[in-house]
Amino acid sequence: MRVMNKDRLHFAMPRPVPPGLWRRVPPAVFPPVLGALALVLAWLGGVSAFALPRALAELLAGMMLAIAGFAMLAYGVKLARRPGVLAEDLAILPGRAGVAAGVLAVYLVAALLAALGMGGAAKAVLGAGLILHAVLLVVLVAVLRSLPPEQRRVAPAWHLSFTGPIVAARAALLLGWPGLAWWLFWPTLLVALAIYVVSARQAMTARVPPPLRPLLAIHLAPIALFGTVALGLGWTGAGTAIAWLALALLALGLVSARWLLADGFSALWGALTFPVAATAGLWVTLWQLHPSEAHRLIAGITLVAATLVVVPILALVLRAWAQGRLPVKTNAAIA
């Protein structure tokens, strides 16, 4: 069994950054931001299960909207300085995962706005997210076609770009647009299945190097989102079955944590946050639709587990960004 190519981890010597604000905003900041947005959305739905004040969850939602908005503004300034920097970020793995997570974060901002009762703003943000996602896919496909074959291999991060519209379906349900959610569900499901099949075949012939193992957690995220959307569309049986599958995979991930995280902390740990938070959100949704004590217990456990995973990783990544280490370690492109 061979080891997967590591060329994507070999970065060039850093170039000096020209003067100017936010010229090297690292896309790697977005995966934990995405996970934190999903976590807050789950807590908004779960506070009633534990007799917690909704105002607390709304306060956390406001804080995360501010953090996400700041990160998006900073990266937007970087793109405005030199739009071609997007293709450069997409040419490396941390950049591809990060930019895609940033687009999906727009969908979750829309979902949070909808959950907070700001439907008009949420609809505008969701529409903007769909446009941004289309632009991302066009540029990403062009970039992938220009890369060497070993760097075009299907990777878990492909879910963020190509299966990502299922996050928009989640937001569409909160906006009362089940038709849009339905149309996003089926094509996205086919894409996700294709990625799973190819990934399984690759896993039989190649070992994942330790630095890339945290990315494997991303495979859980689409499953959790498909379950949540299925429940929202009234497909209770399918949604419940998917919820148990997601829980089993989450438990498997916890058992395999030592192997997954063998290389020590890096920005790629941000990939752990969204899948865990999305699974918690799935179980909260299941409890809301079918309030049983078992569902309430599992929803609570997954919410607490997600909080313990997401918050420290978000804090560490934001600190690395503030200290200037994150752009260098992830080889973020310079505008």
C-alpha atoms as a PDB file:
ATOM      1  CA  MET A   1       0.000   0.000   0.000  1.00  0.00           C
ATOM      2  CA  ARG A   2       1.498   3.315  -1.020  1.00  0.00           C
ATOM      3  CA  VAL A   3       1.422   6.614   0.815  1.00  0.00           C
ATOM      4  CA  MET A   4      -0.585   9.447  -0.686  1.00  0.00           C
ATOM      5  CA  ASN A   5       1.477  12.107  -2.398  1.00  0.00           C
ATOM      6  CA  LYS A   6       2.752  14.756   0.026  1.00  0.00           C
ATOM      7  CA  ASP A   7       3.720  17.399  -2.532  1.00  0.00           C
ATOM      8  CA  ARG A   8       0.721  19.483  -1.528  1.00  0.00           C
ATOM      9  CA  LEU A   9       2.326  19.928   1.898  1.00  0.00           C
ATOM     10  CA  HIS A  10       5.655  21.212   0.602  1.00  0.00           C
ATOM     11  CA  PHE A  11       5.406  24.975   0.597  1.00  0.00           C
ATOM     12  CA  ALA A  12       7.730  27.469  -1.021  1.00  0.00           C
ATOM     13  CA  MET A  13       9.750  29.906   1.040  1.00  0.00           C
ATOM     14  CA  PRO A  14       7.520  32.772   2.152  1.00  0.00           C
ATOM     15  CA  ARG A  15       7.604  35.955   0.095  1.00  0.00           C
ATOM     16  CA  PRO A  16       7.601  39.383   1.738  1.00  0.00           C
ATOM     17  CA  VAL A  17       4.113  40.811   2.132  1.00  0.00           C
ATOM     18  CA  PRO A  18       3.680  44.283   0.587  1.00  0.00           C
ATOM     19  CA  PRO A  19       2.362  47.028   2.845  1.00  0.00           C
ATOM     20  CA  GLY A  20      -1.399  47.170   3.166  1.00  0.00           C
ATOM     21  CA  LEU A  21      -4.194  45.782   5.278  1.00  0.00           C
ATOM     22  CA  TRP A  22      -5.288  42.148   4.887  1.00  0.00           C
ATOM     23  CA  ARG A  23      -3.068  41.221   1.954  1.00  0.00           C
ATOM     24  CA  ARG A  24      -2.477  37.687   3.221  1.00  0.00           C
ATOM     25  CA  VAL A  25      -5.693  36.645   4.909  1.00  0.00           C
ATOM     26  CA  PRO A  26      -5.469  32.846   5.308  1.00  0.00           C
ATOM     27  CA  PRO A  27      -8.454  30.863   4.000  1.00  0.00           C
ATOM     28  CA  ALA A  28      -7.635  28.339   6.746  1.00  0.00           C
ATOM     29  CA  VAL A  29      -9.461  30.593   9.200  1.00  0.00           C
ATOM     30  CA  PHE A  30     -12.813  29.645   7.667  1.00  0.00           C
ATOM     31  CA  PRO A  31     -13.206  25.922   8.546  1.00  0.00           C
ATOM     32  CA  PRO A  32     -13.406  26.559  12.318  1.00  0.00           C
ATOM     33  CA  VAL A  33     -15.599  29.610  11.687  1.00  0.00           C
ATOM     34  CA  LEU A  34     -17.915  27.358   9.682  1.00  0.00           C
ATOM     35  CA  GLY A  35     -17.962  24.837  12.504  1.00  0.00           C
ATOM     36  CA  ALA A  36     -18.692  27.515  15.088  1.00  0.00           C
ATOM     37  CA  LEU A  37     -21.598  28.877  13.036  1.00  0.00           C
ATOM     38  CA  ALA A  38     -23.045  25.367  12.797  1.00  0.00           C
ATOM     39  CA  LEU A  39     -22.572  24.918  16.538  1.00  0.00           C
ATOM     40  CA  VAL A  40     -24.419  28.138  17.385  1.00  0.00           C
ATOM     41  CA  LEU A  41     -27.228  27.157  15.011  1.00  0.00           C
ATOM     42  CA  ALA A  42     -27.503  23.829  16.827  1.00  0.00           C
ATOM     43  CA  TRP A  43     -27.570  25.550  20.219  1.00  0.00           C
ATOM     44  CA  LEU A  44     -30.345  27.879  19.054  1.00  0.00           C
ATOM     45  CA  GLY A  45     -32.453  24.817  18.414  1.00  0.00           C
ATOM     46  CA  GLY A  46     -31.302  22.935  21.489  1.00  0.00           C
ATOM     47  CA  VAL A  47     -31.655  25.434  24.327  1.00  0.00           C
ATOM     48  CA  SER A  48     -35.289  24.501  24.897  1.00  0.00           C
ATOM     49  CA  ALA A  49     -34.302  20.887  25.469  1.00  0.00           C
ATOM     50  CA  PHE A  50     -32.206  21.858  28.464  1.00  0.00           C
ATOM     51  CA  ALA A  51     -34.224  24.759  29.896  1.00  0.00           C
ATOM     52  CA  LEU A  52     -31.505  27.249  28.964  1.00  0.00           C
ATOM     53  CA  PRO A  53     -32.308  30.889  28.166  1.00  0.00           C
ATOM     54  CA  ARG A  54     -32.632  31.471  24.431  1.00  0.00           C
ATOM     55  CA  ALA A  55     -31.071  34.896  24.938  1.00  0.00           C
ATOM     56  CA  LEU A  56     -27.768  33.195  25.724  1.00  0.00           C
ATOM     57  CA  ALA A  57     -27.803  31.315  22.415  1.00  0.00           C
ATOM     58  CA  GLU A  58     -28.784  34.516  20.610  1.00  0.00           C
ATOM     59  CA  LEU A  59     -25.850  36.317  22.221  1.00  0.00           C
ATOM     60  CA  LEU A  60     -23.494  33.591  21.012  1.00  0.00           C
ATOM     61  CA  ALA A  61     -25.075  33.805  17.571  1.00  0.00           C
ATOM     62  CA  GLY A  62     -24.405  37.531  17.471  1.00  0.00           C
ATOM     63  CA  MET A  63     -20.791  36.991  18.476  1.00  0.00           C
ATOM     64  CA  MET A  64     -20.251  34.378  15.784  1.00  0.00           C
ATOM     65  CA  LEU A  65     -21.945  36.501  13.137  1.00  0.00           C
ATOM     66  CA  ALA A  66     -19.506  39.273  14.028  1.00  0.00           C
ATOM     67  CA  ILE A  67     -16.476  36.962  13.834  1.00  0.00           C
ATOM     68  CA  ALA A  68     -17.643  35.445  10.548  1.00  0.00           C
ATOM     69  CA  GLY A  69     -18.415  38.871   9.120  1.00  0.00           C
ATOM     70  CA  PHE A  70     -14.964  40.143  10.043  1.00  0.00           C
ATOM     71  CA  ALA A  71     -13.234  37.143   8.449  1.00  0.00           C
ATOM     72  CA  MET A  72     -15.316  37.499   5.282  1.00  0.00           C
ATOM     73  CA  LEU A  73     -14.636  41.236   5.106  1.00  0.00           C
ATOM     74  CA  ALA A  74     -10.908  40.672   5.507  1.00  0.00           C
ATOM     75  CA  TYR A  75     -10.802  38.044   2.760  1.00  0.00           C
ATOM     76  CA  GLY A  76     -13.016  40.216   0.566  1.00  0.00           C
ATOM     77  CA  VAL A  77     -10.491  43.051   0.866  1.00  0.00           C
ATOM     78  CA  LYS A  78      -7.745  40.632  -0.134  1.00  0.00           C
ATOM     79  CA  LEU A  79      -9.714  39.595  -3.238  1.00  0.00           C
ATOM     80  CA  ALA A  80     -10.505  43.202  -4.100  1.00  0.00           C
ATOM     81  CA  ARG A  81      -6.791  44.042  -4.067  1.00  0.00           C
ATOM     82  CA  ARG A  82      -6.014  41.294  -6.582  1.00  0.00           C
ATOM     83  CA  PRO A  83      -8.829  38.957  -7.727  1.00  0.00           C
ATOM     84  CA  GLY A  84      -6.315  36.506  -9.171  1.00  0.00           C
ATOM     85  CA  VAL A  85      -5.251  35.608  -5.652  1.00  0.00           C
ATOM     86  CA  LEU A  86      -8.320  33.358  -5.448  1.00  0.00           C
ATOM     87  CA  ALA A  87      -6.877  30.932  -7.995  1.00  0.00           C
ATOM     88  CA  GLU A  88      -3.577  30.902  -6.105  1.00  0.00           C
ATOM     89  CA  ASP A  89      -5.311  30.032  -2.840  1.00  0.00           C
ATOM     90  CA  LEU A  90      -7.280  27.286  -4.581  1.00  0.00           C
ATOM     91  CA  ALA A  91      -4.075  25.743  -5.929  1.00  0.00           C
ATOM     92  CA  ILE A  92      -3.124  24.346  -2.504  1.00  0.00           C
ATOM     93  CA  LEU A  93      -5.079  22.067  -0.208  1.00  0.00           C
ATOM     94  CA  PRO A  94      -5.490  24.363   2.832  1.00  0.00           C
ATOM     95  CA  GLY A  95      -6.639  27.120   0.506  1.00  0.00           C
ATOM     96  CA  ARG A  96      -9.169  24.928  -1.297  1.00  0.00           C
ATOM     97  CA  ALA A  97     -10.680  23.721   1.941  1.00  0.00           C
ATOM     98  CA  GLY A  98     -10.638  27.191   3.452  1.00  0.00           C
ATOM     99  CA  VAL A  99     -12.197  29.099   0.572  1.00  0.00           C
ATOM    100  CA  ALA A 100     -14.950  26.498   0.218  1.00  0.00           C
ATOM    101  CA  ALA A 101     -15.619  26.663   3.952  1.00  0.00           C
ATOM    102  CA  GLY A 102     -15.864  30.434   3.652  1.00  0.00           C
ATOM    103  CA  VAL A 103     -18.585  30.114   1.025  1.00  0.00           C
ATOM    104  CA  LEU A 104     -20.487  27.571   3.119  1.00  0.00           C
ATOM    105  CA  ALA A 105     -20.195  29.950   6.059  1.00  0.00           C
ATOM    106  CA  VAL A 106     -22.269  32.428   4.035  1.00  0.00           C
ATOM    107  CA  TYR A 107     -25.072  29.851   3.932  1.00  0.00           C
ATOM    108  CA  LEU A 108     -24.907  29.375   7.689  1.00  0.00           C
ATOM    109  CA  VAL A 109     -24.966  33.131   8.226  1.00  0.00           C
ATOM    110  CA  ALA A 110     -28.213  33.099   6.249  1.00  0.00           C
ATOM    111  CA  ALA A 111     -29.493  30.219   8.374  1.00  0.00           C
ATOM    112  CA  LEU A 112     -28.649  32.059  11.599  1.00  0.00           C
ATOM    113  CA  LEU A 113     -30.318  35.240  10.383  1.00  0.00           C
ATOM    114  CA  ALA A 114     -33.418  33.217   9.541  1.00  0.00           C
ATOM    115  CA  ALA A 115     -33.368  31.549  12.960  1.00  0.00           C
ATOM    116  CA  LEU A 116     -33.113  34.998  14.562  1.00  0.00           C
ATOM    117  CA  GLY A 117     -36.164  36.230  12.663  1.00  0.00           C
ATOM    118  CA  MET A 118     -34.386  38.371  10.054  1.00  0.00           C
ATOM    119  CA  GLY A 119     -35.893  36.655   7.031  1.00  0.00           C
ATOM    120  CA  GLY A 120     -35.333  39.428   4.500  1.00  0.00           C
ATOM    121  CA  ALA A 121     -31.634  39.699   5.228  1.00  0.00           C
ATOM    122  CA  ALA A 122     -31.334  35.909   5.324  1.00  0.00           C
ATOM    123  CA  LYS A 123     -32.808  35.560   1.832  1.00  0.00           C
ATOM    124  CA  ALA A 124     -30.396  38.133   0.435  1.00  0.00           C
ATOM    125  CA  VAL A 125     -27.427  36.425   2.079  1.00  0.00           C
ATOM    126  CA  LEU A 126     -28.511  33.000   0.827  1.00  0.00           C
ATOM    127  CA  GLY A 127     -28.803  34.344  -2.716  1.00  0.00           C
ATOM    128  CA  ALA A 128     -25.358  35.907  -2.443  1.00  0.00           C
ATOM    129  CA  GLY A 129     -23.989  32.609  -1.164  1.00  0.00           C
ATOM    130  CA  LEU A 130     -25.352  30.699  -4.151  1.00  0.00           C
ATOM    131  CA  ILE A 131     -23.740  33.188  -6.534  1.00  0.00           C
ATOM    132  CA  LEU A 132     -20.422  33.005  -4.698  1.00  0.00           C
ATOM    133  CA  HIS A 133     -20.583  29.210  -4.760  1.00  0.00           C
ATOM    134  CA  ALA A 134     -21.095  29.210  -8.524  1.00  0.00           C
ATOM    135  CA  VAL A 135     -18.057  31.475  -8.946  1.00  0.00           C
ATOM    136  CA  LEU A 136     -16.022  29.220  -6.667  1.00  0.00           C
ATOM    137  CA  LEU A 137     -16.877  26.116  -8.678  1.00  0.00           C
ATOM    138  CA  VAL A 138     -15.970  27.750 -11.991  1.00  0.00           C
ATOM    139  CA  VAL A 139     -12.592  28.936 -10.714  1.00  0.00           C
ATOM    140  CA  LEU A 140     -11.904  25.716  -8.817  1.00  0.00           C
ATOM    141  CA  VAL A 141     -12.523  23.483 -11.829  1.00  0.00           C
ATOM    142  CA  ALA A 142     -10.179  25.642 -13.913  1.00  0.00           C
ATOM    143  CA  VAL A 143      -7.505  25.468 -11.215  1.00  0.00           C
ATOM    144  CA  LEU A 144      -7.840  21.706 -10.774  1.00  0.00           C
ATOM    145  CA  ARG A 145      -7.465  21.161 -14.516  1.00  0.00           C
ATOM    146  CA  SER A 146      -4.174  23.072 -14.438  1.00  0.00           C
ATOM    147  CA  LEU A 147      -2.673  21.051 -11.577  1.00  0.00           C
ATOM    148  CA  PRO A 148      -0.582  17.874 -11.904  1.00  0.00           C
ATOM    149  CA  PRO A 149      -2.641  14.654 -11.700  1.00  0.00           C
ATOM    150  CA  GLU A 150      -1.429  13.784  -8.204  1.00  0.00           C
ATOM    151  CA  GLN A 151      -2.773  17.113  -6.923  1.00  0.00           C
ATOM    152  CA  ARG A 152      -6.158  16.579  -8.572  1.00  0.00           C
ATOM    153  CA  ARG A 153      -6.969  13.487  -6.559  1.00  0.00           C
ATOM    154  CA  VAL A 154     -10.377  13.364  -4.949  1.00  0.00           C
ATOM    155  CA  ALA A 155      -9.987  14.441  -1.317  1.00  0.00           C
ATOM    156  CA  PRO A 156     -12.390  14.850   1.614  1.00  0.00           C
ATOM    157  CA  ALA A 157     -12.203  18.620   1.136  1.00  0.00           C
ATOM    158  CA  TRP A 158     -14.002  18.138  -2.188  1.00  0.00           C
ATOM    159  CA  HIS A 159     -17.181  17.735  -0.164  1.00  0.00           C
ATOM    160  CA  LEU A 160     -16.967  21.367   0.918  1.00  0.00           C
ATOM    161  CA  SER A 161     -16.925  22.604  -2.668  1.00  0.00           C
ATOM    162  CA  PHE A 162     -18.976  20.054  -4.578  1.00  0.00           C
ATOM    163  CA  THR A 163     -21.361  18.766  -1.889  1.00  0.00           C
ATOM    164  CA  GLY A 164     -21.593  22.157  -0.213  1.00  0.00           C
ATOM    165  CA  PRO A 165     -24.984  23.147  -1.684  1.00  0.00           C
ATOM    166  CA  ILE A 166     -26.594  20.842   0.884  1.00  0.00           C
ATOM    167  CA  VAL A 167     -25.722  23.552   3.428  1.00  0.00           C
ATOM    168  CA  ALA A 168     -27.756  25.982   1.330  1.00  0.00           C
ATOM    169  CA  ALA A 169     -30.623  23.490   1.500  1.00  0.00           C
ATOM    170  CA  ARG A 170     -30.407  23.639   5.293  1.00  0.00           C
ATOM    171  CA  ALA A 171     -30.760  27.417   5.168  1.00  0.00           C
ATOM    172  CA  ALA A 172     -33.564  27.195   2.606  1.00  0.00           C
ATOM    173  CA  LEU A 173     -35.632  25.073   4.989  1.00  0.00           C
ATOM    174  CA  LEU A 174     -35.319  27.697   7.719  1.00  0.00           C
ATOM    175  CA  LEU A 175     -36.512  30.296   5.214  1.00  0.00           C
ATOM    176  CA  GLY A 176     -39.569  28.240   4.325  1.00  0.00           C
ATOM    177  CA  TRP A 177     -38.317  27.214   0.891  1.00  0.00           C
ATOM    178  CA  PRO A 178     -38.663  23.412   0.899  1.00  0.00           C
ATOM    179  CA  GLY A 179     -38.805  23.362  -2.900  1.00  0.00           C
ATOM    180  CA  LEU A 180     -35.327  24.834  -3.187  1.00  0.00           C
ATOM    181  CA  ALA A 181     -34.083  22.444  -0.515  1.00  0.00           C
ATOM    182  CA  TRP A 182     -35.530  19.506  -2.481  1.00  0.00           C
ATOM    183  CA  TRP A 183     -33.832  20.580  -5.701  1.00  0.00           C
ATOM    184  CA  LEU A 184     -30.516  21.049  -3.941  1.00  0.00           C
ATOM    185  CA  PHE A 185     -30.777  17.731  -2.089  1.00  0.00           C
ATOM    186  CA  TRP A 186     -30.802  15.226  -4.943  1.00  0.00           C
ATOM    187  CA  PRO A 187     -27.967  16.469  -7.212  1.00  0.00           C
ATOM    188  CA  THR A 188     -25.817  17.064  -4.156  1.00  0.00           C
ATOM    189  CA  LEU A 189     -26.513  13.549  -2.902  1.00  0.00           C
ATOM    190  CA  LEU A 190     -25.305  12.073  -6.194  1.00  0.00           C
ATOM    191  CA  VAL A 191     -22.109  14.129  -6.027  1.00  0.00           C
ATOM    192  CA  ALA A 192     -21.503  13.090  -2.424  1.00  0.00           C
ATOM    193  CA  LEU A 193     -21.972   9.417  -3.263  1.00  0.00           C
ATOM    194  CA  ALA A 194     -19.484   9.718  -6.120  1.00  0.00           C
ATOM    195  CA  ILE A 195     -16.913  11.294  -3.788  1.00  0.00           C
ATOM    196  CA  TYR A 196     -17.485   8.552  -1.213  1.00  0.00           C
ATOM    197  CA  VAL A 197     -17.022   5.804  -3.809  1.00  0.00           C
ATOM    198  CA  VAL A 198     -13.818   7.279  -5.222  1.00  0.00           C
ATOM    199  CA  SER A 199     -12.478   7.977  -1.725  1.00  0.00           C
ATOM    200  CA  ALA A 200     -13.151   4.388  -0.675  1.00  0.00           C
ATOM    201  CA  ARG A 201     -11.277   3.074  -3.709  1.00  0.00           C
ATOM    202  CA  GLN A 202      -8.341   5.359  -2.970  1.00  0.00           C
ATOM    203  CA  ALA A 203      -8.295   4.249   0.664  1.00  0.00           C
ATOM    204  CA  MET A 204      -7.704   0.661  -0.461  1.00  0.00           C
ATOM    205  CA  THR A 205      -4.551   1.586  -2.366  1.00  0.00           C
ATOM    206  CA  ALA A 206      -3.049   4.527  -0.475  1.00  0.00           C
ATOM    207  CA  ARG A 207      -2.343   5.448   3.133  1.00  0.00           C
ATOM    208  CA  VAL A 208      -3.249   8.890   4.362  1.00  0.00           C
ATOM    209  CA  PRO A 209      -0.187  10.707   5.767  1.00  0.00           C
ATOM    210  CA  PRO A 210      -0.609  11.924   9.353  1.00  0.00           C
ATOM    211  CA  PRO A 211      -0.779  15.656   8.496  1.00  0.00           C
ATOM    212  CA  LEU A 212      -3.820  15.062   6.261  1.00  0.00           C
ATOM    213  CA  ARG A 213      -5.759  12.707   8.523  1.00  0.00           C
ATOM    214  CA  PRO A 214      -7.900  15.394  10.224  1.00  0.00           C
ATOM    215  CA  LEU A 215      -9.438  16.098   6.822  1.00  0.00           C
ATOM    216  CA  LEU A 216     -11.037  12.641   6.864  1.00  0.00           C
ATOM    217  CA  ALA A 217     -13.560  14.002   9.363  1.00  0.00           C
ATOM    218  CA  ILE A 218     -15.099  16.059   6.562  1.00  0.00           C
ATOM    219  CA  HIS A 219     -16.678  12.868   5.203  1.00  0.00           C
ATOM    220  CA  LEU A 220     -19.106  13.016   8.146  1.00  0.00           C
ATOM    221  CA  ALA A 221     -20.418  16.503   7.383  1.00  0.00           C
ATOM    222  CA  PRO A 222     -22.523  15.735   4.278  1.00  0.00           C
ATOM    223  CA  ILE A 223     -24.118  12.753   6.020  1.00  0.00           C
ATOM    224  CA  ALA A 224     -25.203  14.949   8.923  1.00  0.00           C
ATOM    225  CA  LEU A 225     -26.525  17.633   6.575  1.00  0.00           C
ATOM    226  CA  PHE A 226     -28.422  15.140   4.410  1.00  0.00           C
ATOM    227  CA  GLY A 227     -30.060  13.795   7.556  1.00  0.00           C
ATOM    228  CA  THR A 228     -31.046  17.263   8.746  1.00  0.00           C
ATOM    229  CA  VAL A 229     -32.494  18.248   5.375  1.00  0.00           C
ATOM    230  CA  ALA A 230     -34.295  14.912   5.056  1.00  0.00           C
ATOM    231  CA  LEU A 231     -35.985  15.529   8.407  1.00  0.00           C
ATOM    232  CA  GLY A 232     -36.899  19.044   7.332  1.00  0.00           C
ATOM    233  CA  LEU A 233     -38.480  17.703   4.154  1.00  0.00           C
ATOM    234  CA  GLY A 234     -40.599  15.270   6.143  1.00  0.00           C
ATOM    235  CA  TRP A 235     -38.633  12.128   5.326  1.00  0.00           C
ATOM    236  CA  THR A 236     -38.595  11.017   8.933  1.00  0.00           C
ATOM    237  CA  GLY A 237     -37.511   7.426   8.407  1.00  0.00           C
ATOM    238  CA  ALA A 238     -34.569   8.340   6.202  1.00  0.00           C
ATOM    239  CA  GLY A 239     -33.564  11.223   8.452  1.00  0.00           C
ATOM    240  CA  THR A 240     -33.641   9.057  11.563  1.00  0.00           C
ATOM    241  CA  ALA A 241     -31.581   6.318   9.925  1.00  0.00           C
ATOM    242  CA  ILE A 242     -29.026   8.868   8.763  1.00  0.00           C
ATOM    243  CA  ALA A 243     -28.880  10.351  12.272  1.00  0.00           C
ATOM    244  CA  TRP A 244     -27.900   6.977  13.725  1.00  0.00           C
ATOM    245  CA  LEU A 245     -25.332   6.495  10.952  1.00  0.00           C
ATOM    246  CA  ALA A 246     -23.830   9.909  11.681  1.00  0.00           C
ATOM    247  CA  LEU A 247     -23.707   9.111  15.385  1.00  0.00           C
ATOM    248  CA  ALA A 248     -21.936   5.818  14.702  1.00  0.00           C
ATOM    249  CA  LEU A 249     -19.382   7.545  12.479  1.00  0.00           C
ATOM    250  CA  LEU A 250     -18.852  10.236  15.102  1.00  0.00           C
ATOM    251  CA  ALA A 251     -18.218   7.552  17.712  1.00  0.00           C
ATOM    252  CA  LEU A 252     -15.779   5.863  15.327  1.00  0.00           C
ATOM    253  CA  GLY A 253     -13.982   9.163  14.910  1.00  0.00           C
ATOM    254  CA  LEU A 254     -13.688   9.590  18.664  1.00  0.00           C
ATOM    255  CA  VAL A 255     -12.282   6.080  19.026  1.00  0.00           C
ATOM    256  CA  SER A 256      -9.810   6.826  16.217  1.00  0.00           C
ATOM    257  CA  ALA A 257      -8.875  10.269  17.544  1.00  0.00           C
ATOM    258  CA  ARG A 258      -5.334   9.251  18.448  1.00  0.00           C
ATOM    259  CA  TRP A 259      -4.711   8.048  14.894  1.00  0.00           C
ATOM    260  CA  LEU A 260      -6.481  11.018  13.277  1.00  0.00           C
ATOM    261  CA  LEU A 261      -4.538  13.566  15.307  1.00  0.00           C
ATOM    262  CA  ALA A 262      -1.189  11.769  15.422  1.00  0.00           C
ATOM    263  CA  ASP A 263       0.673  14.638  13.762  1.00  0.00           C
ATOM    264  CA  GLY A 264      -0.241  17.170  16.439  1.00  0.00           C
ATOM    265  CA  PHE A 265      -2.144  20.408  16.171  1.00  0.00           C
ATOM    266  CA  SER A 266      -2.281  22.234  12.861  1.00  0.00           C
ATOM    267  CA  ALA A 267      -4.703  24.483  11.032  1.00  0.00           C
ATOM    268  CA  LEU A 268      -6.169  21.365   9.414  1.00  0.00           C
ATOM    269  CA  TRP A 269      -7.768  20.543  12.762  1.00  0.00           C
ATOM    270  CA  GLY A 270     -10.334  23.110  11.719  1.00  0.00           C
ATOM    271  CA  ALA A 271     -11.758  20.381   9.499  1.00  0.00           C
ATOM    272  CA  LEU A 272     -12.950  18.568  12.634  1.00  0.00           C
ATOM    273  CA  THR A 273     -15.312  21.319  13.731  1.00  0.00           C
ATOM    274  CA  PHE A 274     -18.039  21.418  11.088  1.00  0.00           C
ATOM    275  CA  PRO A 275     -18.744  17.663  10.959  1.00  0.00           C
ATOM    276  CA  VAL A 276     -19.091  17.427  14.745  1.00  0.00           C
ATOM    277  CA  ALA A 277     -21.308  20.510  14.948  1.00  0.00           C
ATOM    278  CA  ALA A 278     -23.438  19.363  12.013  1.00  0.00           C
ATOM    279  CA  THR A 279     -24.011  16.012  13.722  1.00  0.00           C
ATOM    280  CA  ALA A 280     -25.106  17.797  16.883  1.00  0.00           C
ATOM    281  CA  GLY A 281     -27.466  19.916  14.787  1.00  0.00           C
ATOM    282  CA  LEU A 282     -28.918  16.785  13.218  1.00  0.00           C
ATOM    283  CA  TRP A 283     -29.721  15.264  16.598  1.00  0.00           C
ATOM    284  CA  VAL A 284     -31.215  18.516  17.847  1.00  0.00           C
ATOM    285  CA  THR A 285     -33.466  18.560  14.788  1.00  0.00           C
ATOM    286  CA  LEU A 286     -34.469  14.949  15.400  1.00  0.00           C
ATOM    287  CA  TRP A 287     -35.288  15.752  19.029  1.00  0.00           C
ATOM    288  CA  GLN A 288     -37.391  18.751  17.955  1.00  0.00           C
ATOM    289  CA  LEU A 289     -39.441  16.590  15.596  1.00  0.00           C
ATOM    290  CA  HIS A 290     -39.624  13.539  17.866  1.00  0.00           C
ATOM    291  CA  PRO A 291     -39.021  14.662  21.457  1.00  0.00           C
ATOM    292  CA  SER A 292     -38.071  11.533  23.352  1.00  0.00           C
ATOM    293  CA  GLU A 293     -35.746  11.260  26.322  1.00  0.00           C
ATOM    294  CA  ALA A 294     -33.267   9.204  24.279  1.00  0.00           C
ATOM    295  CA  HIS A 295     -33.147  11.820  21.530  1.00  0.00           C
ATOM    296  CA  ARG A 296     -32.790  14.579  24.121  1.00  0.00           C
ATOM    297  CA  LEU A 297     -29.893  12.777  25.802  1.00  0.00           C
ATOM    298  CA  ILE A 298     -28.037  12.151  22.554  1.00  0.00           C
ATOM    299  CA  ALA A 299     -28.644  15.720  21.383  1.00  0.00           C
ATOM    300  CA  GLY A 300     -27.219  17.004  24.651  1.00  0.00           C
ATOM    301  CA  ILE A 301     -24.154  14.777  24.524  1.00  0.00           C
ATOM    302  CA  THR A 302     -23.375  15.686  20.923  1.00  0.00           C
ATOM    303  CA  LEU A 303     -23.888  19.397  21.639  1.00  0.00           C
ATOM    304  CA  VAL A 304     -21.489  19.306  24.567  1.00  0.00           C
ATOM    305  CA  ALA A 305     -18.964  17.245  22.599  1.00  0.00           C
ATOM    306  CA  ALA A 306     -19.181  19.633  19.658  1.00  0.00           C
ATOM    307  CA  THR A 307     -18.705  22.617  21.951  1.00  0.00           C
ATOM    308  CA  LEU A 308     -15.605  21.057  23.495  1.00  0.00           C
ATOM    309  CA  VAL A 309     -14.167  20.439  20.031  1.00  0.00           C
ATOM    310  CA  VAL A 310     -15.164  23.606  18.202  1.00  0.00           C
ATOM    311  CA  VAL A 311     -14.445  26.358  20.722  1.00  0.00           C
ATOM    312  CA  PRO A 312     -10.780  25.481  21.494  1.00  0.00           C
ATOM    313  CA  ILE A 313      -9.925  24.906  17.832  1.00  0.00           C
ATOM    314  CA  LEU A 314     -11.570  28.179  16.810  1.00  0.00           C
ATOM    315  CA  ALA A 315      -9.660  30.016  19.534  1.00  0.00           C
ATOM    316  CA  LEU A 316      -6.324  28.463  18.530  1.00  0.00           C
ATOM    317  CA  VAL A 317      -6.807  29.213  14.839  1.00  0.00           C
ATOM    318  CA  LEU A 318      -7.916  32.797  15.472  1.00  0.00           C
ATOM    319  CA  ARG A 319      -4.910  33.302  17.745  1.00  0.00           C
ATOM    320  CA  ALA A 320      -2.570  31.925  15.078  1.00  0.00           C
ATOM    321  CA  TRP A 321      -4.109  34.345  12.577  1.00  0.00           C
ATOM    322  CA  ALA A 322      -3.766  37.294  14.955  1.00  0.00           C
ATOM    323  CA  GLN A 323      -0.120  36.398  15.609  1.00  0.00           C
ATOM    324  CA  GLY A 324       0.641  36.157  11.891  1.00  0.00           C
ATOM    325  CA  ARG A 325       1.559  32.465  12.026  1.00  0.00           C
ATOM    326  CA  LEU A 326      -1.478  31.062  10.229  1.00  0.00           C
ATOM    327  CA  PRO A 327      -0.815  32.648   6.808  1.00  0.00           C
ATOM    328  CA  VAL A 328       2.765  31.363   6.816  1.00  0.00           C
ATOM    329  CA  LYS A 329       1.976  27.850   8.018  1.00  0.00           C
ATOM    330  CA  THR A 330      -0.821  27.409   5.462  1.00  0.00           C
ATOM    331  CA  ASN A 331       1.055  29.180   2.646  1.00  0.00           C
ATOM    332  CA  ALA A 332      -1.771  31.650   2.059  1.00  0.00           C
ATOM    333  CA  ALA A 333      -1.446  33.577  -1.193  1.00  0.00           C
ATOM    334  CA  ILE A 334      -0.506  37.262  -1.090  1.00  0.00           C
ATOM    335  CA  ALA A 335      -2.616  39.919  -2.783  1.00  0.00           C
END
